[in-house]
Every structure is written in structure tokens, then in C-alpha cells.
Amino acid sequence: MPPSVVLVTGVSRFLGGHLAARLAANPDIDRVLGVDTVPPPRDLLRRMGRAEFVRADIRNPLISKVISTASVDTVVHASLAANPGSSGGRVAMKEMNVIGTMQLLAACQKAPSVRRMVLKSTTAVYGSSSRDPALFTETMTPKDLPPGGYAKDAVEIEGYLRGFARRRPDVSVTTLRFANFIGPRIETVFTRYFALPVVPIVLGYDARVQLLHEEDGLAVLEKAASEDVPGVFNVAADGVLMLSQAIRRAGRMPLPVPSPAVGPVSRLFRSARLVDFSPEQMRLLNFGRVVDNGRLRRQFGFTPRWTTVQAFDDYVRGRALRPVVDPERFAAVERGVLAAARTLR
């Protein structure tokens, strides 16, 4: 049964704004409210159509009044921020992520109209380490708990959501753990990272990269908001790319950096406003992370349209990334190096 009144947080960003636009295009939904501290860009606001933008801070208890006055029955919490640089620093990011979610859940708990809660979480809750399994399922816990940043925020937020579900068993709760997004329109750390002409990598490591196309991410959020599909779900595309393969497919040049120099290099890139690497993202580039999406297919009823490779290639085409080095020349040099290495055996 479709919802009557949907509230979406984080509508000034790509996922929240485009989700609100999709829900507003559904004639079975009576009303869509988009909440954020800043208004969406003009083009995104136009796309949102009949969705109503409400300028509000979810850290403020007044969010409770918004929910109760509009008789909201479905809440999609899509405002979790992963980038301290664009959030005003780590302290501000944690406040918005953790304190904001606590206030939002408190407001939902007091509102009898709320019947469905959807959380946009992340596969970063599994962490990244050398002791990780080949595939993480939803029932697994990380080998090393995330020590800080966005990953730690997400772990705390999921804990608060489980508490909310115990206090409000009448509310259908869906937790979506998304892999790293990629695509021609969305802006993430990964889309900026692979657009660098020279891409820094950790010397001696070649991580497995699992991605999710932006359109698949929107489709999953729309389904979760429109249908009753409670549970915890890994949301990721099929297949993986090695980090070295992804760099080559983007036509970039890898820059191997020794482990002790990773910190200074990441700070250099951050100060130059090229890419804002967080510690958990650096660990991901070291060890990678791959999750099982079987439950997404079987219980949630969604099969990703793009594989990891297809999603990455669509990003490269959509951004019109031109090779820094001619691929054929690069392959010829690589073959020459391999041939020389074989003669030295």
C-alpha cells in the first residue's frame, strides 16, 4: 500500500532531492515534504515538482511539529553526510548525523501517524581490514569496529534505529546499507577520486571495489518508501573491480604512495580541495570491501540494473573522462615490462 504523506530528509543533495522528485511524480502519494537546512539547487527544486520544501534542521525539536502537523506516515532519512569538508567539519558532520537522527527518531516515536521508517545507511559499518571475509552478509559484524568518521556515525545511528524499532513495533523499519555510489550525475569522494589525472594508491595494495549506480540507488530508496519491505539490506551491484582496473578504465595514471606517506598525501589533496579523504576511506583503498546482495534480491525484490563494471563505465562515459595516457600505448609498455620480467626469471 503506497504512503499518503512522505517526509524526505537531505533534499539539497542528489539522492534526497531526486527521491523527492520521484515520489512527487507518483499520483498515489498525496503529499511529499522535503526537509533540509538549505534549499536544493534551482534545477533540482524544479525537478521536485509538487514536492514541498521545508527549511528545517532535524537537530531542532521543532521537526516534531513538522511531522505531526502534516500527519507524516513515511519518513525517509537520507541526509547522512559522509564528507566533513562539505559539512562544515567533522564536529558539525557528527552533530547533523548523530544528534539529528536522534531528534528525528524522537519526533517519529511521538507521532502516531508514522508507520514506515527508511534509513539510508552504508556498507562502511562493516569496516575495512585485512581480516575481512570475502563477502559481508547483513548478519555479520566488522572484524575491526570503525574508530571514527562517517562509518562510526552510521554504526551509532543504526543502533538508535534498532532502539526505535523496539519502542515502536508498529512501525515498519528498513535499513539500506549502500555501497559507494557512482554515476554521471552524483558527486561523491569516489567520483572526484577517479577523475583526478594522477590517482594516488597505497603501494603494495590493490583493493576490491564494489559500487552502486546512482539510478539503482534511487530505485531502491523509492521502493523502500513506497512498499512495506522491513529489514536490513546490503545494496550493491554485482561483481567487483580491482582498484588498478578501475583507474585504467578511467584512463587515469596511478601514483603508488608508501603507507607512511598516505597521511601527508591525503592532507595535501584535502588542502587543495581535490578530494577529501577520510581515514575510513583510506582503509577502503587499502583493503576494499565486498558485500553480499542476495537478501536484496530475495526478500527486498530488487535486482541491480548495472553491475559494478557497467556502473563505472557509465560514470566514465557520462563525465567524458579523457585518458591521460593513450590506453594502447600504456598496454604496450605493460606488456614490455612483463616480458622483460619473464626473461629475468
Protein backbone atom coordinates (compact mmCIF):
# COMPACT_ATOMS: atom_id res chain seq x y z
CA MET A 1 0.00 0.00 0.00
CA PRO A 2 1.56 3.35 -1.03
CA PRO A 3 2.09 6.01 1.64
CA SER A 4 -0.06 9.11 1.94
CA VAL A 5 2.43 11.68 3.25
CA VAL A 6 6.18 11.17 2.87
CA LEU A 7 8.93 13.21 4.50
CA VAL A 8 12.42 13.02 2.94
CA THR A 9 15.47 14.49 4.70
CA GLY A 10 18.55 15.80 2.89
CA VAL A 11 16.77 17.07 -0.23
CA SER A 12 19.51 19.60 -1.05
CA ARG A 13 21.71 16.66 -2.06
CA PHE A 14 21.44 14.42 -5.11
CA LEU A 15 19.78 11.34 -3.59
CA GLY A 16 17.31 13.13 -1.31
CA GLY A 17 16.26 15.68 -3.92
CA HIS A 18 15.82 13.20 -6.76
CA LEU A 19 14.00 10.77 -4.48
CA ALA A 20 11.55 13.52 -3.52
CA ALA A 21 11.07 14.23 -7.24
CA ARG A 22 10.29 10.58 -7.98
CA LEU A 23 7.85 10.28 -5.10
CA ALA A 24 6.14 13.53 -6.10
CA ALA A 25 5.60 12.09 -9.58
CA ASN A 26 3.62 9.20 -8.07
CA PRO A 27 -0.10 10.14 -8.17
CA ASP A 28 -0.89 7.59 -5.44
CA ILE A 29 1.09 9.65 -2.90
CA ASP A 30 -0.89 12.61 -1.58
CA ARG A 31 1.96 14.78 -0.33
CA VAL A 32 5.77 14.85 -0.30
CA LEU A 33 7.75 17.03 2.11
CA GLY A 34 11.45 17.66 1.50
CA VAL A 35 13.42 18.79 4.55
CA ASP A 36 16.90 20.33 4.72
CA THR A 37 18.81 23.20 6.31
CA VAL A 38 19.48 24.77 2.89
CA PRO A 39 17.27 24.82 -0.21
CA PRO A 40 18.07 22.50 -3.13
CA PRO A 41 19.74 23.97 -6.23
CA ARG A 42 17.26 25.61 -8.61
CA ASP A 43 17.33 22.84 -11.22
CA LEU A 44 16.78 20.20 -8.55
CA LEU A 45 13.97 22.24 -6.98
CA ARG A 46 12.26 22.39 -10.38
CA ARG A 47 12.61 18.63 -10.76
CA MET A 48 10.92 18.12 -7.39
CA GLY A 49 7.63 19.34 -8.90
CA ARG A 50 4.81 19.34 -6.37
CA ALA A 51 7.10 18.24 -3.51
CA GLU A 52 7.10 20.91 -0.79
CA PHE A 53 10.43 22.13 0.51
CA VAL A 54 10.54 22.76 4.26
CA ARG A 55 13.59 24.59 5.54
CA ALA A 56 14.20 22.88 8.89
CA ASP A 57 17.05 21.47 10.95
CA ILE A 58 16.41 17.92 12.14
CA ARG A 59 18.63 18.65 15.15
CA ASN A 60 15.92 21.01 16.35
CA PRO A 61 12.97 19.50 18.27
CA LEU A 62 10.69 21.59 16.03
CA ILE A 63 10.99 18.79 13.45
CA SER A 64 8.40 17.06 15.63
CA LYS A 65 5.90 19.80 14.79
CA VAL A 66 6.52 19.37 11.07
CA ILE A 67 5.84 15.62 11.28
CA SER A 68 2.74 15.88 13.47
CA THR A 69 1.17 18.84 11.65
CA ALA A 70 1.45 17.15 8.25
CA SER A 71 0.44 13.71 9.62
CA VAL A 72 3.51 12.14 8.01
CA ASP A 73 3.21 8.35 7.73
CA THR A 74 6.53 7.58 5.97
CA VAL A 75 9.95 9.04 6.77
CA VAL A 76 13.00 8.52 4.54
CA HIS A 77 16.14 9.62 6.36
CA ALA A 78 18.57 10.29 3.50
CA SER A 79 20.59 13.16 4.95
CA LEU A 80 23.54 11.27 6.46
CA ALA A 81 26.68 13.11 5.38
CA ALA A 82 29.93 11.29 4.55
CA ASN A 83 32.17 14.25 3.75
CA PRO A 84 33.37 16.51 6.60
CA GLY A 85 34.61 19.13 4.12
CA SER A 86 31.16 19.80 2.69
CA SER A 87 29.50 19.57 6.12
CA GLY A 88 31.44 22.29 7.90
CA GLY A 89 33.95 19.98 9.56
CA ARG A 90 33.88 16.71 11.44
CA VAL A 91 32.16 18.12 14.55
CA ALA A 92 29.32 19.65 12.52
CA MET A 93 29.00 16.46 10.47
CA LYS A 94 28.70 14.28 13.58
CA GLU A 95 26.13 16.65 15.07
CA MET A 96 23.98 16.52 11.95
CA ASN A 97 24.37 12.76 11.53
CA VAL A 98 24.01 11.52 15.09
CA ILE A 99 22.21 14.28 17.04
CA GLY A 100 19.99 14.99 14.03
CA THR A 101 18.98 11.34 13.75
CA MET A 102 18.26 11.12 17.48
CA GLN A 103 15.94 14.13 17.28
CA LEU A 104 14.25 12.79 14.14
CA LEU A 105 13.64 9.39 15.75
CA ALA A 106 12.32 11.05 18.90
CA ALA A 107 9.89 13.04 16.78
CA CYS A 108 8.79 9.91 14.90
CA GLN A 109 8.36 8.00 18.14
CA LYS A 110 5.89 10.60 19.43
CA ALA A 111 3.95 10.81 16.16
CA PRO A 112 1.18 8.18 15.98
CA SER A 113 0.79 8.83 12.23
CA VAL A 114 4.26 7.43 11.39
CA ARG A 115 4.03 3.86 10.06
CA ARG A 116 7.20 3.46 7.98
CA MET A 117 10.84 4.47 8.55
CA VAL A 118 13.60 4.12 5.94
CA LEU A 119 17.26 4.78 6.73
CA LYS A 120 19.93 5.39 4.10
CA SER A 121 22.92 3.76 5.77
CA THR A 122 26.22 2.50 4.38
CA THR A 123 28.29 -0.67 3.98
CA ALA A 124 31.03 1.27 5.79
CA VAL A 125 29.50 -0.13 9.02
CA TYR A 126 31.42 -3.35 8.21
CA GLY A 127 34.73 -1.50 8.28
CA SER A 128 37.76 -2.44 6.17
CA SER A 129 40.62 -4.58 7.36
CA SER A 130 42.99 -7.33 6.28
CA ARG A 131 40.89 -9.84 8.26
CA ASP A 132 37.63 -9.21 6.42
CA PRO A 133 35.69 -12.09 4.84
CA ALA A 134 35.34 -12.36 1.07
CA LEU A 135 31.70 -11.23 1.39
CA PHE A 136 29.87 -9.45 4.19
CA THR A 137 26.26 -10.52 4.83
CA GLU A 138 23.78 -8.47 6.82
CA THR A 139 24.19 -10.71 9.89
CA MET A 140 27.96 -10.17 10.12
CA THR A 141 29.78 -7.68 12.31
CA PRO A 142 33.07 -5.94 11.44
CA LYS A 143 36.38 -7.54 12.38
CA ASP A 144 37.55 -4.10 13.49
CA LEU A 145 34.94 -1.58 14.61
CA PRO A 146 35.14 1.73 12.71
CA PRO A 147 37.15 4.05 15.01
CA GLY A 148 35.59 7.29 13.81
CA GLY A 149 34.11 9.34 11.00
CA TYR A 150 31.09 8.55 8.87
CA ALA A 151 31.39 4.80 9.46
CA LYS A 152 31.21 5.20 13.24
CA ASP A 153 28.28 7.62 12.86
CA ALA A 154 26.42 5.03 10.79
CA VAL A 155 27.04 2.29 13.41
CA GLU A 156 25.64 4.54 16.15
CA ILE A 157 22.67 5.60 14.03
CA GLU A 158 21.73 2.01 13.22
CA GLY A 159 21.84 1.27 16.95
CA TYR A 160 19.45 4.15 17.66
CA LEU A 161 17.15 2.91 14.90
CA ARG A 162 17.04 -0.58 16.44
CA GLY A 163 16.05 1.02 19.73
CA PHE A 164 13.34 3.00 17.97
CA ALA A 165 12.01 -0.21 16.37
CA ARG A 166 11.74 -1.85 19.80
CA ARG A 167 9.82 1.12 21.21
CA ARG A 168 7.56 1.41 18.15
CA PRO A 169 6.96 -2.17 16.96
CA ASP A 170 4.02 -0.90 14.90
CA VAL A 171 6.42 0.98 12.58
CA SER A 172 7.95 -0.85 9.59
CA VAL A 173 11.71 -0.15 9.67
CA THR A 174 14.02 -0.58 6.65
CA THR A 175 17.79 -0.12 6.83
CA LEU A 176 19.57 0.17 3.49
CA ARG A 177 23.35 -0.27 3.59
CA PHE A 178 24.56 1.28 0.36
CA ALA A 179 27.90 0.59 -1.32
CA ASN A 180 29.83 3.55 -2.72
CA PHE A 181 27.74 5.41 -5.31
CA ILE A 182 28.97 6.19 -8.78
CA GLY A 183 27.38 7.62 -11.89
CA PRO A 184 27.42 10.52 -14.33
CA ARG A 185 25.50 12.95 -12.10
CA ILE A 186 26.18 12.20 -8.45
CA GLU A 187 29.10 13.85 -6.61
CA THR A 188 30.98 11.65 -4.16
CA VAL A 189 34.53 11.18 -2.93
CA PHE A 190 34.88 8.29 -5.40
CA THR A 191 33.67 10.28 -8.43
CA ARG A 192 36.22 13.01 -7.62
CA TYR A 193 38.95 10.47 -6.85
CA PHE A 194 38.71 8.67 -10.20
CA ALA A 195 38.53 12.00 -12.06
CA LEU A 196 42.00 13.02 -10.83
CA PRO A 197 44.59 12.93 -13.64
CA VAL A 198 47.01 11.15 -11.31
CA VAL A 199 45.29 8.85 -8.80
CA PRO A 200 47.13 8.07 -5.55
CA ILE A 201 47.06 4.43 -4.44
CA VAL A 202 48.68 2.69 -1.49
CA LEU A 203 51.88 0.97 -2.55
CA GLY A 204 51.55 -2.81 -2.36
CA TYR A 205 47.73 -2.89 -2.21
CA ASP A 206 45.09 -3.44 -4.88
CA ALA A 207 41.68 -3.26 -3.22
CA ARG A 208 38.49 -4.86 -4.50
CA VAL A 209 35.98 -2.12 -5.29
CA GLN A 210 32.22 -2.71 -5.28
CA LEU A 211 29.99 0.14 -6.45
CA LEU A 212 26.34 1.05 -7.00
CA HIS A 213 24.94 3.10 -9.86
CA GLU A 214 23.13 6.26 -8.76
CA GLU A 215 19.94 5.20 -10.59
CA ASP A 216 19.86 1.82 -8.82
CA GLY A 217 20.28 3.64 -5.51
CA LEU A 218 17.33 5.91 -6.26
CA ALA A 219 15.19 2.97 -7.37
CA VAL A 220 15.88 1.11 -4.10
CA LEU A 221 15.03 4.17 -2.00
CA GLU A 222 11.82 4.72 -3.96
CA LYS A 223 10.75 1.11 -3.50
CA ALA A 224 11.51 1.20 0.23
CA ALA A 225 9.47 4.39 0.62
CA SER A 226 6.53 3.08 -1.43
CA GLU A 227 6.28 -0.52 -0.23
CA ASP A 228 6.38 -2.34 3.10
CA VAL A 229 9.75 -4.13 2.98
CA PRO A 230 11.20 -4.12 6.51
CA GLY A 231 14.66 -5.45 7.32
CA VAL A 232 18.35 -4.74 6.82
CA PHE A 233 19.65 -4.94 3.25
CA ASN A 234 23.04 -4.62 1.58
CA VAL A 235 22.53 -2.53 -1.56
CA ALA A 236 25.39 -3.07 -4.01
CA ALA A 237 25.91 -4.03 -7.63
CA ASP A 238 27.05 -7.46 -8.76
CA GLY A 239 30.75 -8.02 -9.35
CA VAL A 240 33.85 -6.07 -8.37
CA LEU A 241 36.68 -4.11 -9.93
CA MET A 242 40.23 -4.13 -8.68
CA LEU A 243 41.32 -0.58 -7.91
CA SER A 244 44.03 -0.79 -10.56
CA GLN A 245 41.46 -1.91 -13.16
CA ALA A 246 39.15 0.99 -12.30
CA ILE A 247 41.98 3.51 -12.67
CA ARG A 248 42.88 2.09 -16.08
CA ARG A 249 39.25 2.06 -17.26
CA ALA A 250 39.04 5.75 -16.34
CA GLY A 251 42.22 6.45 -18.31
CA ARG A 252 43.99 7.79 -15.22
CA MET A 253 47.59 7.33 -14.07
CA PRO A 254 48.17 5.55 -10.74
CA LEU A 255 50.55 7.11 -8.22
CA PRO A 256 51.77 4.46 -5.74
CA VAL A 257 52.31 6.05 -2.32
CA PRO A 258 54.17 4.25 0.52
CA SER A 259 51.97 3.66 3.58
CA PRO A 260 53.81 6.17 5.82
CA ALA A 261 53.22 8.91 3.24
CA VAL A 262 49.50 8.24 2.82
CA GLY A 263 48.51 10.67 5.62
CA PRO A 264 50.53 13.64 4.31
CA VAL A 265 49.38 12.99 0.72
CA SER A 266 45.71 12.81 1.75
CA ARG A 267 46.10 16.08 3.70
CA LEU A 268 47.69 17.66 0.63
CA PHE A 269 44.76 16.64 -1.56
CA ARG A 270 42.32 17.86 1.11
CA SER A 271 44.01 21.26 1.44
CA ALA A 272 44.00 21.64 -2.34
CA ARG A 273 40.25 20.80 -2.29
CA LEU A 274 40.74 18.00 -4.80
CA VAL A 275 39.47 15.05 -2.73
CA ASP A 276 38.56 14.98 0.96
CA PHE A 277 39.89 11.57 2.05
CA SER A 278 38.73 10.39 5.47
CA PRO A 279 40.63 7.71 7.42
CA GLU A 280 37.94 5.09 6.73
CA GLN A 281 38.10 5.86 3.00
CA MET A 282 41.86 5.39 3.06
CA ARG A 283 41.37 1.98 4.71
CA LEU A 284 38.86 1.13 1.98
CA LEU A 285 41.52 1.92 -0.64
CA ASN A 286 43.88 -0.39 1.26
CA PHE A 287 41.70 -3.42 1.85
CA GLY A 288 38.47 -2.91 -0.12
CA ARG A 289 35.08 -4.26 0.94
CA VAL A 290 32.56 -6.52 -0.81
CA VAL A 291 29.06 -7.33 0.41
CA ASP A 292 26.52 -9.99 -0.48
CA ASN A 293 23.35 -8.63 -2.14
CA GLY A 294 21.39 -11.91 -2.06
CA ARG A 295 18.89 -10.67 0.53
CA LEU A 296 18.25 -7.58 -1.61
CA ARG A 297 17.18 -9.85 -4.46
CA ARG A 298 15.25 -12.46 -2.49
CA GLN A 299 13.49 -10.52 0.27
CA PHE A 300 13.51 -6.93 -0.93
CA GLY A 301 12.70 -7.93 -4.51
CA PHE A 302 15.24 -5.78 -6.34
CA THR A 303 17.97 -6.74 -8.80
CA PRO A 304 20.51 -4.00 -9.61
CA ARG A 305 20.34 -2.99 -13.25
CA TRP A 306 24.03 -2.13 -13.52
CA THR A 307 26.95 -4.32 -12.48
CA THR A 308 29.94 -2.66 -10.80
CA VAL A 309 31.81 -2.61 -14.13
CA GLN A 310 28.82 -1.24 -16.06
CA ALA A 311 28.17 1.44 -13.43
CA PHE A 312 31.80 2.53 -13.51
CA ASP A 313 31.88 2.63 -17.31
CA ASP A 314 28.68 4.71 -17.35
CA TYR A 315 30.36 7.15 -14.96
CA VAL A 316 33.41 7.39 -17.24
CA ARG A 317 31.22 7.99 -20.33
CA GLY A 318 28.90 10.40 -18.55
CA ARG A 319 31.77 12.52 -17.22
CA ALA A 320 33.53 12.35 -20.59
CA LEU A 321 36.80 11.42 -18.90
CA ARG A 322 39.59 11.54 -21.45
CA PRO A 323 42.56 9.22 -21.00
CA VAL A 324 45.63 10.92 -19.57
CA VAL A 325 47.74 8.30 -21.36
CA ASP A 326 46.76 6.50 -24.56
CA PRO A 327 45.44 3.07 -23.43
CA GLU A 328 47.12 1.19 -26.29
CA ARG A 329 50.47 2.77 -25.51
CA PHE A 330 50.04 2.01 -21.81
CA ALA A 331 49.18 -1.63 -22.59
CA ALA A 332 52.22 -1.93 -24.88
CA VAL A 333 54.52 -0.62 -22.15
CA GLU A 334 52.95 -3.00 -19.65
CA ARG A 335 53.47 -5.96 -21.99
CA GLY A 336 57.09 -4.93 -22.46
CA VAL A 337 57.67 -4.76 -18.71
CA LEU A 338 56.08 -8.18 -18.18
CA ALA A 339 58.13 -9.69 -21.00
CA ALA A 340 61.31 -8.24 -19.52
CA ALA A 341 60.37 -9.60 -16.10
CA ARG A 342 59.92 -13.09 -17.54
CA THR A 343 63.40 -13.07 -19.08
CA LEU A 344 64.92 -12.29 -15.69
CA ARG A 345 63.49 -15.37 -14.02
